[in-house]
Amino acid sequence: MDSVSQVEQALKQLYSSTESGPRNAAQSWLLAVQQSQEAWELVWFLLEEHKSTEVQFFGASTLAVKIHKYWHEVAPESFDDLRLRLFKCIIDFAAVAVVRKLVLGKLCVAVRKAV
């Protein structure tokens, strides 16, 4: 998915750029991604096992934001599927290394809002 690589590049710019201009641009773009309708599907690609912790954390943060602020965008018939997907993701992250616990914590914030 092209959007996933764009998010990865923006995160790299946000965390590694020494200049404030590119960092601010990356941050603004990432915030716009979080607000987009596409983010509901994008997050699952960002949370894949092989992604870096930074990418996974952004995915988990985006999911928490979407559930907290944009839950109304989810069709009622999709609530159960979204919750199940979220619980599966939490179980998967609970089974991996301590470094990923940051991501797990953010996913737990998301599930708190979804139930």
C-alpha atoms as a PDB file:
ATOM      1  CA  MET A   1       0.000   0.000   0.000  1.00  0.00           C
ATOM      2  CA  ASP A   2       1.484   3.301  -1.109  1.00  0.00           C
ATOM      3  CA  SER A   3       0.068   5.214   1.863  1.00  0.00           C
ATOM      4  CA  VAL A   4       1.962   2.952   4.242  1.00  0.00           C
ATOM      5  CA  SER A   5       5.302   3.824   2.655  1.00  0.00           C
ATOM      6  CA  GLN A   6       4.343   7.510   2.724  1.00  0.00           C
ATOM      7  CA  VAL A   7       3.610   7.256   6.448  1.00  0.00           C
ATOM      8  CA  GLU A   8       6.920   5.468   7.002  1.00  0.00           C
ATOM      9  CA  GLN A   9       8.775   8.217   5.135  1.00  0.00           C
ATOM     10  CA  ALA A  10       6.971  10.975   7.043  1.00  0.00           C
ATOM     11  CA  LEU A  11       7.779   9.307  10.374  1.00  0.00           C
ATOM     12  CA  LYS A  12      11.408   8.962   9.354  1.00  0.00           C
ATOM     13  CA  GLN A  13      11.459  12.672   8.500  1.00  0.00           C
ATOM     14  CA  LEU A  14       9.726  13.571  11.760  1.00  0.00           C
ATOM     15  CA  TYR A  15      12.178  11.628  13.912  1.00  0.00           C
ATOM     16  CA  SER A  16      15.433  12.111  12.020  1.00  0.00           C
ATOM     17  CA  SER A  17      15.318  15.578  10.474  1.00  0.00           C
ATOM     18  CA  THR A  18      17.381  18.203  12.240  1.00  0.00           C
ATOM     19  CA  GLU A  19      15.477  21.052  10.599  1.00  0.00           C
ATOM     20  CA  SER A  20      12.158  22.228  11.986  1.00  0.00           C
ATOM     21  CA  GLY A  21      10.593  22.945   8.577  1.00  0.00           C
ATOM     22  CA  PRO A  22      10.596  19.339   7.324  1.00  0.00           C
ATOM     23  CA  ARG A  23       9.674  18.037  10.805  1.00  0.00           C
ATOM     24  CA  ASN A  24       6.692  20.391  11.019  1.00  0.00           C
ATOM     25  CA  ALA A  25       5.565  19.463   7.512  1.00  0.00           C
ATOM     26  CA  ALA A  26       5.785  15.756   8.348  1.00  0.00           C
ATOM     27  CA  GLN A  27       3.872  16.252  11.585  1.00  0.00           C
ATOM     28  CA  SER A  28       1.109  18.211   9.838  1.00  0.00           C
ATOM     29  CA  TRP A  29       0.822  15.572   7.137  1.00  0.00           C
ATOM     30  CA  LEU A  30       0.681  12.751   9.704  1.00  0.00           C
ATOM     31  CA  LEU A  31      -2.059  14.559  11.636  1.00  0.00           C
ATOM     32  CA  ALA A  32      -4.044  14.874   8.407  1.00  0.00           C
ATOM     33  CA  VAL A  33      -3.607  11.127   7.829  1.00  0.00           C
ATOM     34  CA  GLN A  34      -5.009  10.434  11.298  1.00  0.00           C
ATOM     35  CA  GLN A  35      -8.097  12.470  10.476  1.00  0.00           C
ATOM     36  CA  SER A  36      -8.684  10.855   7.087  1.00  0.00           C
ATOM     37  CA  GLN A  37     -11.319   8.221   6.379  1.00  0.00           C
ATOM     38  CA  GLU A  38      -8.571   6.055   4.879  1.00  0.00           C
ATOM     39  CA  ALA A  39      -6.917   5.783   8.308  1.00  0.00           C
ATOM     40  CA  TRP A  40      -9.512   3.209   9.434  1.00  0.00           C
ATOM     41  CA  GLU A  41      -7.943   0.678   7.056  1.00  0.00           C
ATOM     42  CA  LEU A  42      -4.411   2.065   7.002  1.00  0.00           C
ATOM     43  CA  VAL A  43      -3.853   1.388  10.706  1.00  0.00           C
ATOM     44  CA  TRP A  44      -3.941  -2.388  10.248  1.00  0.00           C
ATOM     45  CA  PHE A  45      -1.089  -2.224   7.719  1.00  0.00           C
ATOM     46  CA  LEU A  46       0.903   0.012  10.079  1.00  0.00           C
ATOM     47  CA  LEU A  47       0.460  -2.486  12.910  1.00  0.00           C
ATOM     48  CA  GLU A  48       1.897  -5.437  10.996  1.00  0.00           C
ATOM     49  CA  GLU A  49       4.507  -7.477  12.857  1.00  0.00           C
ATOM     50  CA  HIS A  50       7.436  -6.574  10.578  1.00  0.00           C
ATOM     51  CA  LYS A  51       6.939  -2.789  10.895  1.00  0.00           C
ATOM     52  CA  SER A  52       9.223  -0.681  13.087  1.00  0.00           C
ATOM     53  CA  THR A  53       8.111   0.277  16.578  1.00  0.00           C
ATOM     54  CA  GLU A  54       7.672   3.891  15.460  1.00  0.00           C
ATOM     55  CA  VAL A  55       5.359   2.878  12.613  1.00  0.00           C
ATOM     56  CA  GLN A  56       3.393   0.517  14.838  1.00  0.00           C
ATOM     57  CA  PHE A  57       3.089   3.172  17.540  1.00  0.00           C
ATOM     58  CA  PHE A  58       1.775   5.661  14.998  1.00  0.00           C
ATOM     59  CA  GLY A  59      -0.711   3.028  13.823  1.00  0.00           C
ATOM     60  CA  ALA A  60      -1.868   2.393  17.386  1.00  0.00           C
ATOM     61  CA  SER A  61      -2.063   6.121  18.110  1.00  0.00           C
ATOM     62  CA  THR A  62      -4.048   6.677  14.938  1.00  0.00           C
ATOM     63  CA  LEU A  63      -6.461   3.915  15.887  1.00  0.00           C
ATOM     64  CA  ALA A  64      -6.906   5.439  19.348  1.00  0.00           C
ATOM     65  CA  VAL A  65      -7.585   8.866  17.802  1.00  0.00           C
ATOM     66  CA  LYS A  66     -10.025   7.428  15.269  1.00  0.00           C
ATOM     67  CA  ILE A  67     -11.974   5.552  17.929  1.00  0.00           C
ATOM     68  CA  HIS A  68     -11.952   8.457  20.373  1.00  0.00           C
ATOM     69  CA  LYS A  69     -12.838  11.279  17.965  1.00  0.00           C
ATOM     70  CA  TYR A  70     -14.262   9.626  14.864  1.00  0.00           C
ATOM     71  CA  TRP A  71     -16.209   6.615  16.143  1.00  0.00           C
ATOM     72  CA  HIS A  72     -19.288   8.101  14.480  1.00  0.00           C
ATOM     73  CA  GLU A  73     -17.684   7.293  11.101  1.00  0.00           C
ATOM     74  CA  VAL A  74     -17.998   3.571  11.796  1.00  0.00           C
ATOM     75  CA  ALA A  75     -21.204   1.933  10.641  1.00  0.00           C
ATOM     76  CA  PRO A  76     -22.990   0.254  13.573  1.00  0.00           C
ATOM     77  CA  GLU A  77     -22.884  -3.090  11.763  1.00  0.00           C
ATOM     78  CA  SER A  78     -19.058  -2.821  11.722  1.00  0.00           C
ATOM     79  CA  PHE A  79     -18.634  -2.269  15.481  1.00  0.00           C
ATOM     80  CA  ASP A  80     -18.187  -5.938  16.348  1.00  0.00           C
ATOM     81  CA  ASP A  81     -15.710  -6.584  13.527  1.00  0.00           C
ATOM     82  CA  LEU A  82     -13.628  -3.569  14.542  1.00  0.00           C
ATOM     83  CA  ARG A  83     -13.616  -4.638  18.189  1.00  0.00           C
ATOM     84  CA  LEU A  84     -12.612  -8.198  17.295  1.00  0.00           C
ATOM     85  CA  ARG A  85      -9.798  -6.951  15.074  1.00  0.00           C
ATOM     86  CA  LEU A  86      -8.611  -4.671  17.856  1.00  0.00           C
ATOM     87  CA  PHE A  87      -8.701  -7.448  20.466  1.00  0.00           C
ATOM     88  CA  LYS A  88      -6.756  -9.757  18.139  1.00  0.00           C
ATOM     89  CA  CYS A  89      -4.161  -7.044  17.656  1.00  0.00           C
ATOM     90  CA  ILE A  90      -3.847  -6.586  21.427  1.00  0.00           C
ATOM     91  CA  ILE A  91      -3.366 -10.310  21.938  1.00  0.00           C
ATOM     92  CA  ASP A  92      -0.697 -10.390  19.222  1.00  0.00           C
ATOM     93  CA  PHE A  93       1.213  -7.464  20.749  1.00  0.00           C
ATOM     94  CA  ALA A  94       0.919  -8.863  24.273  1.00  0.00           C
ATOM     95  CA  ALA A  95       2.907 -11.884  23.108  1.00  0.00           C
ATOM     96  CA  VAL A  96       5.941  -9.994  21.770  1.00  0.00           C
ATOM     97  CA  ALA A  97       9.003  -8.234  23.151  1.00  0.00           C
ATOM     98  CA  VAL A  98       8.932  -5.484  25.777  1.00  0.00           C
ATOM     99  CA  VAL A  99       9.807  -2.829  23.183  1.00  0.00           C
ATOM    100  CA  ARG A 100       6.380  -3.358  21.634  1.00  0.00           C
ATOM    101  CA  LYS A 101       4.636  -2.756  24.975  1.00  0.00           C
ATOM    102  CA  LEU A 102       4.404   0.935  24.041  1.00  0.00           C
ATOM    103  CA  VAL A 103       2.257  -0.081  21.099  1.00  0.00           C
ATOM    104  CA  LEU A 104       0.236  -2.436  23.282  1.00  0.00           C
ATOM    105  CA  GLY A 105      -0.451   0.379  25.740  1.00  0.00           C
ATOM    106  CA  LYS A 106      -1.776   2.621  22.982  1.00  0.00           C
ATOM    107  CA  LEU A 107      -3.965  -0.196  21.646  1.00  0.00           C
ATOM    108  CA  CYS A 108      -5.430  -0.642  25.133  1.00  0.00           C
ATOM    109  CA  VAL A 109      -6.329   3.056  25.156  1.00  0.00           C
ATOM    110  CA  ALA A 110      -8.111   2.473  21.849  1.00  0.00           C
ATOM    111  CA  VAL A 111     -10.046  -0.545  23.092  1.00  0.00           C
ATOM    112  CA  ARG A 112     -11.161   1.335  26.194  1.00  0.00           C
ATOM    113  CA  LYS A 113     -12.945   3.815  23.924  1.00  0.00           C
ATOM    114  CA  ALA A 114     -14.362   1.088  21.664  1.00  0.00           C
ATOM    115  CA  VAL A 115     -16.242  -0.859  24.310  1.00  0.00           C
END
